């Protein structure tokens, strides 16, 4: 069945991918990995402990390790988006325009979030350096 140019099998395949990605990102957080979830919001959960992390509190992840993991995720997202863009421009039929644009937007949002975290860290550093002792 064709719904507005997208057939139902493509929609079902996309739903299966979303469910697999959700299950994949939920598995590391249940195991206690704070920065391993690999999304834009995964950096925000580094400091707090939720119910699943309380059991694995003995295996804490340092802030620098979580930050490095998030930077690696952003870098990988940018490389993947760039690769998809080059493949689409070269005429590769296995890469669709929508997948390429979504990948590029994810990479852009991840980078913008990382820049905001950097700005907050620099601001906090300046505040600490300007404190009277």
N, C-alpha and C. Protein backbone atom coordinates (compact mmCIF):
# COMPACT_ATOMS: atom_id res chain seq x y z
N UNK A 1 0.84 -1.17 0.00
CA UNK A 1 0.00 0.00 0.00
C UNK A 1 0.89 1.23 0.00
N UNK A 2 0.55 2.21 -0.81
CA UNK A 2 1.34 3.42 -0.96
C UNK A 2 0.63 4.58 -0.29
N UNK A 3 1.24 5.16 0.75
CA UNK A 3 0.65 6.26 1.50
C UNK A 3 1.47 7.51 1.22
N UNK A 4 1.00 8.36 0.33
CA UNK A 4 1.68 9.62 0.06
C UNK A 4 3.10 9.45 -0.41
N UNK A 5 3.40 8.44 -1.20
CA UNK A 5 4.74 8.24 -1.73
C UNK A 5 5.61 7.31 -0.89
N UNK A 6 5.15 6.90 0.29
CA UNK A 6 5.91 5.99 1.15
C UNK A 6 5.08 4.74 1.34
N UNK A 7 5.63 3.59 0.97
CA UNK A 7 4.86 2.37 1.12
C UNK A 7 4.91 1.88 2.57
N UNK A 8 3.94 1.07 2.95
CA UNK A 8 3.80 0.63 4.33
C UNK A 8 4.97 -0.24 4.79
N UNK A 9 5.60 -0.97 3.89
CA UNK A 9 6.74 -1.80 4.30
C UNK A 9 7.91 -0.92 4.74
N UNK A 10 8.08 0.23 4.10
CA UNK A 10 9.15 1.16 4.50
C UNK A 10 8.86 1.77 5.87
N UNK A 11 7.58 2.07 6.13
CA UNK A 11 7.19 2.60 7.44
C UNK A 11 7.42 1.55 8.52
N UNK A 12 7.04 0.31 8.24
CA UNK A 12 7.25 -0.76 9.22
C UNK A 12 8.72 -1.00 9.47
N UNK A 13 9.54 -0.92 8.43
CA UNK A 13 10.99 -1.09 8.61
C UNK A 13 11.56 0.04 9.46
N UNK A 14 11.07 1.27 9.24
CA UNK A 14 11.55 2.40 10.03
C UNK A 14 11.13 2.25 11.49
N UNK A 15 9.91 1.79 11.73
CA UNK A 15 9.44 1.57 13.10
C UNK A 15 10.29 0.50 13.79
N UNK A 16 10.65 -0.55 13.06
CA UNK A 16 11.50 -1.59 13.63
C UNK A 16 12.87 -1.03 13.98
N UNK A 17 13.41 -0.15 13.13
CA UNK A 17 14.71 0.46 13.42
C UNK A 17 14.62 1.35 14.65
N UNK A 18 13.54 2.11 14.78
CA UNK A 18 13.38 2.97 15.95
C UNK A 18 13.27 2.16 17.24
N UNK A 19 12.52 1.05 17.18
CA UNK A 19 12.39 0.19 18.36
C UNK A 19 13.73 -0.44 18.72
N UNK A 20 14.51 -0.86 17.72
CA UNK A 20 15.82 -1.45 17.98
C UNK A 20 16.76 -0.41 18.57
N UNK A 21 16.71 0.82 18.06
CA UNK A 21 17.57 1.88 18.60
C UNK A 21 17.18 2.23 20.02
N UNK A 22 15.88 2.23 20.32
CA UNK A 22 15.43 2.52 21.68
C UNK A 22 15.87 1.42 22.64
N UNK A 23 15.77 0.17 22.20
CA UNK A 23 16.21 -0.94 23.05
C UNK A 23 17.72 -0.91 23.24
N UNK A 24 18.44 -0.53 22.20
CA UNK A 24 19.90 -0.46 22.27
C UNK A 24 20.36 0.64 23.21
N UNK A 25 19.70 1.80 23.16
CA UNK A 25 20.11 2.91 24.02
C UNK A 25 19.66 2.69 25.46
N UNK A 26 18.62 1.89 25.68
CA UNK A 26 18.17 1.62 27.04
C UNK A 26 19.06 0.58 27.72
N UNK A 27 19.67 -0.30 26.96
CA UNK A 27 20.50 -1.36 27.54
C UNK A 27 21.73 -0.83 28.26
N UNK A 28 22.54 0.12 27.72
CA UNK A 28 23.70 0.59 28.45
C UNK A 28 23.34 1.35 29.72
N UNK A 29 22.23 2.11 29.72
CA UNK A 29 21.88 2.85 30.92
C UNK A 29 21.42 1.90 32.02
N UNK A 30 20.82 0.78 31.66
CA UNK A 30 20.42 -0.20 32.67
C UNK A 30 21.64 -0.90 33.25
N UNK A 31 22.73 -0.96 32.48
CA UNK A 31 23.94 -1.61 32.96
C UNK A 31 24.81 -0.67 33.77
N UNK A 32 24.44 0.62 33.84
CA UNK A 32 25.21 1.55 34.64
C UNK A 32 26.15 2.41 33.84
N UNK A 33 26.13 2.37 32.53
CA UNK A 33 27.01 3.19 31.71
C UNK A 33 26.40 4.57 31.51
N UNK A 34 26.97 5.59 32.11
CA UNK A 34 26.37 6.92 32.07
C UNK A 34 26.54 7.57 30.71
N UNK A 35 27.72 7.53 30.12
CA UNK A 35 27.95 8.23 28.87
C UNK A 35 27.88 7.34 27.66
N UNK A 36 27.52 6.10 27.82
CA UNK A 36 27.59 5.17 26.71
C UNK A 36 26.32 5.10 25.89
N UNK A 37 25.28 5.82 26.30
CA UNK A 37 24.02 5.72 25.58
C UNK A 37 24.11 6.30 24.19
N UNK A 38 24.92 7.33 24.00
CA UNK A 38 25.22 7.81 22.66
C UNK A 38 24.16 8.67 22.03
N UNK A 39 23.61 9.60 22.74
CA UNK A 39 22.68 10.54 22.15
C UNK A 39 23.02 11.93 22.59
N UNK A 40 22.26 12.89 22.13
CA UNK A 40 22.51 14.26 22.52
C UNK A 40 22.26 14.42 24.00
N UNK A 41 21.23 13.79 24.53
CA UNK A 41 20.88 13.95 25.93
C UNK A 41 21.67 13.06 26.86
N UNK A 42 22.54 12.23 26.37
CA UNK A 42 23.24 11.30 27.26
C UNK A 42 24.25 12.00 28.13
N UNK A 43 24.73 13.19 27.74
CA UNK A 43 25.69 13.92 28.55
C UNK A 43 25.02 14.48 29.78
N UNK A 44 23.74 14.80 29.70
CA UNK A 44 23.04 15.41 30.82
C UNK A 44 22.86 14.46 31.98
N UNK A 45 22.87 13.16 31.79
CA UNK A 45 22.62 12.22 32.86
C UNK A 45 23.88 11.75 33.55
N UNK A 46 25.01 12.42 33.37
CA UNK A 46 26.26 11.96 33.93
C UNK A 46 26.29 12.10 35.44
N UNK A 47 25.76 13.22 35.96
CA UNK A 47 25.92 13.49 37.38
C UNK A 47 24.94 12.79 38.27
N UNK A 48 23.74 12.51 37.82
CA UNK A 48 22.72 11.98 38.70
C UNK A 48 22.68 10.48 38.72
N UNK A 49 22.04 9.95 39.79
CA UNK A 49 21.84 8.51 39.89
C UNK A 49 20.35 8.24 39.84
N UNK A 50 19.93 7.38 38.93
CA UNK A 50 18.53 6.98 38.93
C UNK A 50 18.45 5.58 39.53
N UNK A 51 17.27 4.98 39.50
CA UNK A 51 17.10 3.68 40.13
C UNK A 51 17.98 2.60 39.54
N UNK A 52 18.19 2.62 38.23
CA UNK A 52 19.01 1.59 37.60
C UNK A 52 20.48 1.80 37.91
N UNK A 53 20.91 3.07 38.06
CA UNK A 53 22.31 3.34 38.33
C UNK A 53 22.68 3.15 39.80
N UNK A 54 21.70 3.15 40.69
CA UNK A 54 22.00 3.04 42.11
C UNK A 54 22.67 1.70 42.42
N UNK A 55 22.28 0.65 41.73
CA UNK A 55 22.89 -0.66 41.96
C UNK A 55 24.33 -0.69 41.47
N UNK A 56 24.64 0.04 40.39
CA UNK A 56 25.98 0.03 39.83
C UNK A 56 26.78 1.27 40.20
N UNK A 57 26.48 1.87 41.36
CA UNK A 57 27.16 3.11 41.76
C UNK A 57 28.64 2.88 42.04
N UNK A 58 29.04 1.65 42.32
CA UNK A 58 30.45 1.39 42.60
C UNK A 58 31.32 1.53 41.35
N UNK A 59 30.73 1.39 40.16
CA UNK A 59 31.48 1.54 38.92
C UNK A 59 31.15 2.89 38.29
N UNK A 60 31.62 3.96 38.92
CA UNK A 60 31.33 5.31 38.45
C UNK A 60 32.20 5.66 37.26
N UNK A 61 31.64 6.48 36.38
CA UNK A 61 32.35 6.96 35.21
C UNK A 61 32.79 8.38 35.51
N UNK A 62 34.05 8.68 35.24
CA UNK A 62 34.53 10.03 35.51
C UNK A 62 33.96 10.99 34.48
N UNK A 63 33.92 12.27 34.83
CA UNK A 63 33.37 13.29 33.94
C UNK A 63 34.20 13.37 32.67
N UNK A 64 35.51 13.28 32.79
CA UNK A 64 36.36 13.38 31.60
C UNK A 64 36.12 12.21 30.65
N UNK A 65 35.89 11.02 31.19
CA UNK A 65 35.60 9.86 30.33
C UNK A 65 34.26 10.03 29.62
N UNK A 66 33.25 10.52 30.35
CA UNK A 66 31.94 10.74 29.75
C UNK A 66 32.00 11.83 28.69
N UNK A 67 32.75 12.88 28.96
CA UNK A 67 32.89 13.97 28.00
C UNK A 67 33.61 13.49 26.74
N UNK A 68 34.67 12.71 26.92
CA UNK A 68 35.40 12.18 25.77
C UNK A 68 34.52 11.24 24.95
N UNK A 69 33.73 10.42 25.62
CA UNK A 69 32.83 9.51 24.90
C UNK A 69 31.80 10.29 24.11
N UNK A 70 31.28 11.38 24.70
CA UNK A 70 30.29 12.19 23.99
C UNK A 70 30.92 12.90 22.80
N UNK A 71 32.15 13.39 22.96
CA UNK A 71 32.85 14.03 21.84
C UNK A 71 33.11 13.04 20.71
N UNK A 72 33.44 11.82 21.08
CA UNK A 72 33.63 10.77 20.06
C UNK A 72 32.32 10.48 19.33
N UNK A 73 31.20 10.47 20.08
CA UNK A 73 29.89 10.24 19.44
C UNK A 73 29.56 11.35 18.45
N UNK A 74 29.85 12.59 18.84
CA UNK A 74 29.58 13.72 17.95
C UNK A 74 30.46 13.63 16.70
N UNK A 75 31.72 13.29 16.90
CA UNK A 75 32.63 13.16 15.78
C UNK A 75 32.18 12.05 14.83
N UNK A 76 31.78 10.92 15.38
CA UNK A 76 31.30 9.81 14.55
C UNK A 76 30.03 10.18 13.80
N UNK A 77 29.12 10.93 14.45
CA UNK A 77 27.89 11.35 13.78
C UNK A 77 28.22 12.29 12.62
N UNK A 78 29.18 13.19 12.81
CA UNK A 78 29.56 14.09 11.73
C UNK A 78 30.23 13.34 10.58
N UNK A 79 31.08 12.39 10.90
CA UNK A 79 31.73 11.60 9.85
C UNK A 79 30.72 10.78 9.07
N UNK A 80 29.75 10.19 9.78
CA UNK A 80 28.72 9.39 9.12
C UNK A 80 27.86 10.28 8.22
N UNK A 81 27.48 11.45 8.70
CA UNK A 81 26.66 12.36 7.90
C UNK A 81 27.43 12.84 6.66
N UNK A 82 28.70 13.13 6.83
CA UNK A 82 29.52 13.56 5.70
C UNK A 82 29.65 12.44 4.67
N UNK A 83 29.86 11.22 5.16
CA UNK A 83 29.96 10.07 4.26
C UNK A 83 28.66 9.85 3.50
N UNK A 84 27.53 9.94 4.20
CA UNK A 84 26.23 9.76 3.54
C UNK A 84 25.99 10.85 2.51
N UNK A 85 26.41 12.08 2.83
CA UNK A 85 26.25 13.18 1.88
C UNK A 85 27.06 12.96 0.62
N UNK A 86 28.30 12.49 0.79
CA UNK A 86 29.15 12.21 -0.37
C UNK A 86 28.57 11.06 -1.20
N UNK A 87 28.08 10.02 -0.52
CA UNK A 87 27.52 8.88 -1.24
C UNK A 87 26.26 9.28 -1.99
N UNK A 88 25.41 10.11 -1.36
CA UNK A 88 24.19 10.55 -2.05
C UNK A 88 24.53 11.43 -3.25
N UNK A 89 25.51 12.32 -3.08
CA UNK A 89 25.90 13.20 -4.18
C UNK A 89 26.52 12.41 -5.33
N UNK A 90 27.16 11.29 -5.00
CA UNK A 90 27.77 10.47 -6.04
C UNK A 90 26.74 9.59 -6.76
N UNK A 91 25.50 9.57 -6.27
CA UNK A 91 24.46 8.82 -6.95
C UNK A 91 24.26 7.41 -6.41
N UNK A 92 24.72 7.14 -5.20
CA UNK A 92 24.53 5.82 -4.59
C UNK A 92 23.04 5.63 -4.30
N UNK A 93 22.45 4.60 -4.87
CA UNK A 93 21.01 4.35 -4.71
C UNK A 93 20.66 3.78 -3.34
N UNK A 94 21.64 3.31 -2.59
CA UNK A 94 21.34 2.75 -1.27
C UNK A 94 21.17 3.83 -0.21
N UNK A 95 21.45 5.10 -0.56
CA UNK A 95 21.32 6.21 0.38
C UNK A 95 20.21 7.13 -0.11
N UNK A 96 19.21 7.33 0.73
CA UNK A 96 18.10 8.21 0.34
C UNK A 96 18.36 9.63 0.82
N UNK A 97 17.69 10.57 0.22
CA UNK A 97 17.83 11.97 0.60
C UNK A 97 17.35 12.20 2.02
N UNK A 98 16.24 11.57 2.39
CA UNK A 98 15.70 11.77 3.75
C UNK A 98 16.66 11.24 4.81
N UNK A 99 17.25 10.07 4.58
CA UNK A 99 18.21 9.53 5.53
C UNK A 99 19.44 10.42 5.64
N UNK A 100 19.88 10.96 4.51
CA UNK A 100 21.04 11.85 4.51
C UNK A 100 20.75 13.13 5.28
N UNK A 101 19.60 13.72 5.03
CA UNK A 101 19.25 14.97 5.71
C UNK A 101 19.04 14.75 7.21
N UNK A 102 18.43 13.65 7.58
CA UNK A 102 18.24 13.34 9.01
C UNK A 102 19.58 13.15 9.68
N UNK A 103 20.49 12.44 9.04
CA UNK A 103 21.82 12.22 9.60
C UNK A 103 22.57 13.54 9.77
N UNK A 104 22.45 14.42 8.78
CA UNK A 104 23.11 15.72 8.87
C UNK A 104 22.52 16.58 9.98
N UNK A 105 21.20 16.53 10.16
CA UNK A 105 20.56 17.30 11.22
C UNK A 105 20.93 16.77 12.60
N UNK A 106 21.01 15.44 12.74
CA UNK A 106 21.43 14.86 14.01
C UNK A 106 22.85 15.29 14.35
N UNK A 107 23.73 15.27 13.36
CA UNK A 107 25.11 15.68 13.59
C UNK A 107 25.18 17.16 13.97
N UNK A 108 24.38 17.98 13.32
CA UNK A 108 24.35 19.41 13.61
C UNK A 108 23.84 19.68 15.02
N UNK A 109 22.77 19.02 15.42
CA UNK A 109 22.22 19.22 16.75
C UNK A 109 23.19 18.72 17.81
N UNK A 110 23.84 17.59 17.57
CA UNK A 110 24.84 17.08 18.51
C UNK A 110 25.99 18.06 18.68
N UNK A 111 26.43 18.63 17.56
CA UNK A 111 27.53 19.59 17.62
C UNK A 111 27.11 20.85 18.36
N UNK A 112 25.91 21.35 18.10
CA UNK A 112 25.43 22.54 18.79
C UNK A 112 25.32 22.31 20.29
N UNK A 113 24.85 21.13 20.69
CA UNK A 113 24.76 20.81 22.11
C UNK A 113 26.15 20.75 22.74
N UNK A 114 27.10 20.20 22.02
CA UNK A 114 28.48 20.13 22.52
C UNK A 114 29.07 21.52 22.67
N UNK A 115 28.81 22.40 21.73
CA UNK A 115 29.30 23.78 21.83
C UNK A 115 28.69 24.46 23.05
N UNK A 116 27.41 24.22 23.31
CA UNK A 116 26.78 24.83 24.49
C UNK A 116 27.39 24.31 25.79
N UNK A 117 27.70 23.03 25.84
CA UNK A 117 28.36 22.47 27.03
C UNK A 117 29.73 23.11 27.19
N UNK A 118 30.46 23.25 26.10
CA UNK A 118 31.77 23.90 26.15
C UNK A 118 31.64 25.32 26.65
N UNK A 119 30.67 26.06 26.16
CA UNK A 119 30.47 27.44 26.61
C UNK A 119 30.18 27.51 28.10
N UNK A 120 29.37 26.59 28.60
CA UNK A 120 29.07 26.56 30.04
C UNK A 120 30.32 26.23 30.85
N UNK A 121 31.13 25.31 30.35
CA UNK A 121 32.37 24.96 31.06
C UNK A 121 33.34 26.14 31.10
N UNK A 122 33.47 26.85 30.00
CA UNK A 122 34.35 28.01 29.95
C UNK A 122 33.84 29.10 30.88
N UNK A 123 32.53 29.31 30.88
CA UNK A 123 31.94 30.30 31.77
C UNK A 123 32.17 29.93 33.24
N UNK A 124 31.99 28.67 33.59
CA UNK A 124 32.24 28.22 34.96
C UNK A 124 33.71 28.39 35.33
N UNK A 125 34.60 28.10 34.40
CA UNK A 125 36.04 28.27 34.65
C UNK A 125 36.36 29.73 34.94
N UNK A 126 35.79 30.64 34.13
CA UNK A 126 36.03 32.07 34.34
C UNK A 126 35.46 32.52 35.68
N UNK A 127 34.29 32.01 36.05
CA UNK A 127 33.70 32.37 37.34
C UNK A 127 34.57 31.91 38.49
N UNK A 128 35.10 30.71 38.39
CA UNK A 128 35.98 30.19 39.44
C UNK A 128 37.27 30.97 39.52
N UNK A 129 37.84 31.31 38.36
CA UNK A 129 39.10 32.07 38.35
C UNK A 129 38.92 33.48 38.89
N UNK A 130 37.75 34.06 38.77
CA UNK A 130 37.51 35.43 39.23
C UNK A 130 37.04 35.50 40.68
N UNK A 131 36.92 34.34 41.35
CA UNK A 131 36.51 34.34 42.76
C UNK A 131 37.61 34.90 43.64
N UNK A 132 37.17 35.64 44.65
CA UNK A 132 38.13 36.15 45.64
C UNK A 132 38.43 35.07 46.67
N UNK A 133 39.70 34.87 46.95
CA UNK A 133 40.08 33.82 47.91
C UNK A 133 40.42 34.41 49.24
